[in-house]
Amino acid sequence: MANKKKNKYGNPQKNIDALKEAEAAKLARQVDKALVEQRTPTDSKPMFMRIIVLAIVAVMILGVVIGAVVSV
């Protein structure tokens, strides 16, 4: 009977070791994720600057097109 229970539920020590390893891997992933988040800036200024630059370029192109049409 005891052998059947052991086979059914597995080796408890192995299960405990597997849980510890899984917890350690989870903590390692969290640490890696935190390091990546620290390195990447979450500032929205670069996106805002890109929008401003694209708007200025669009206005300049529109000015060139209007100037070419008026001069013809």
Protein backbone atom coordinates (compact mmCIF):
# COMPACT_ATOMS: atom_id res chain seq x y z
CA MET A 1 0.00 0.00 0.00
CA ALA A 2 2.76 2.40 0.90
CA ASN A 3 4.52 1.65 -2.39
CA LYS A 4 1.34 2.46 -4.34
CA LYS A 5 1.01 5.83 -2.57
CA LYS A 6 4.63 6.65 -3.28
CA ASN A 7 4.22 5.78 -6.95
CA LYS A 8 0.94 7.66 -7.16
CA TYR A 9 2.14 10.90 -5.61
CA GLY A 10 5.78 10.67 -6.59
CA ASN A 11 8.79 11.30 -4.42
CA PRO A 12 7.94 14.16 -2.03
CA GLN A 13 11.55 15.31 -1.84
CA LYS A 14 11.76 15.58 -5.62
CA ASN A 15 8.52 17.56 -5.64
CA ILE A 16 9.89 19.94 -3.01
CA ASP A 17 13.14 20.35 -4.96
CA ALA A 18 11.21 21.00 -8.18
CA LEU A 19 9.09 23.65 -6.46
CA LYS A 20 12.21 25.33 -5.08
CA GLU A 21 13.82 25.34 -8.54
CA ALA A 22 10.66 26.74 -10.11
CA GLU A 23 10.52 29.50 -7.50
CA ALA A 24 14.20 30.35 -8.06
CA ALA A 25 13.65 30.52 -11.84
CA LYS A 26 10.63 32.77 -11.32
CA LEU A 27 12.66 35.12 -9.11
CA ALA A 28 15.47 35.18 -11.66
CA ARG A 29 13.02 36.13 -14.43
CA GLN A 30 11.63 38.92 -12.25
CA VAL A 31 15.14 40.25 -11.61
CA ASP A 32 15.94 40.13 -15.34
CA LYS A 33 12.70 41.92 -16.13
CA ALA A 34 13.45 44.63 -13.55
CA LEU A 35 16.93 45.16 -15.01
CA VAL A 36 15.51 45.52 -18.53
CA GLU A 37 12.91 48.00 -17.30
CA GLN A 38 15.62 50.07 -15.60
CA ARG A 39 17.72 50.22 -18.77
CA THR A 40 14.95 51.23 -21.15
CA PRO A 41 13.76 54.79 -20.69
CA THR A 42 10.01 55.17 -20.39
CA ASP A 43 10.11 58.89 -21.13
CA SER A 44 7.61 60.10 -23.72
CA LYS A 45 9.79 63.01 -24.89
CA PRO A 46 11.43 61.17 -27.80
CA MET A 47 8.03 60.29 -29.28
CA PHE A 48 6.83 63.86 -28.80
CA MET A 49 9.96 65.17 -30.51
CA ARG A 50 9.45 62.80 -33.44
CA ILE A 51 5.91 64.09 -33.90
CA ILE A 52 7.14 67.70 -33.83
CA VAL A 53 9.90 66.99 -36.36
CA LEU A 54 7.49 65.20 -38.70
CA ALA A 55 5.04 68.11 -38.47
CA ILE A 56 7.78 70.61 -39.32
CA VAL A 57 8.94 68.49 -42.28
CA ALA A 58 5.35 68.21 -43.54
CA VAL A 59 4.90 71.99 -43.35
CA MET A 60 8.18 72.54 -45.22
CA ILE A 61 7.21 70.10 -47.98
CA LEU A 62 3.79 71.74 -48.26
CA GLY A 63 5.49 75.13 -48.56
CA VAL A 64 7.76 73.89 -51.35
CA VAL A 65 4.79 72.38 -53.22
CA ILE A 66 2.72 75.58 -52.86
CA GLY A 67 5.70 77.67 -53.94
CA ALA A 68 6.20 75.53 -57.02
CA VAL A 69 2.52 75.73 -57.97
CA VAL A 70 2.36 79.51 -57.49
CA SER A 71 5.52 80.16 -59.50
CA VAL A 72 4.24 78.21 -62.51
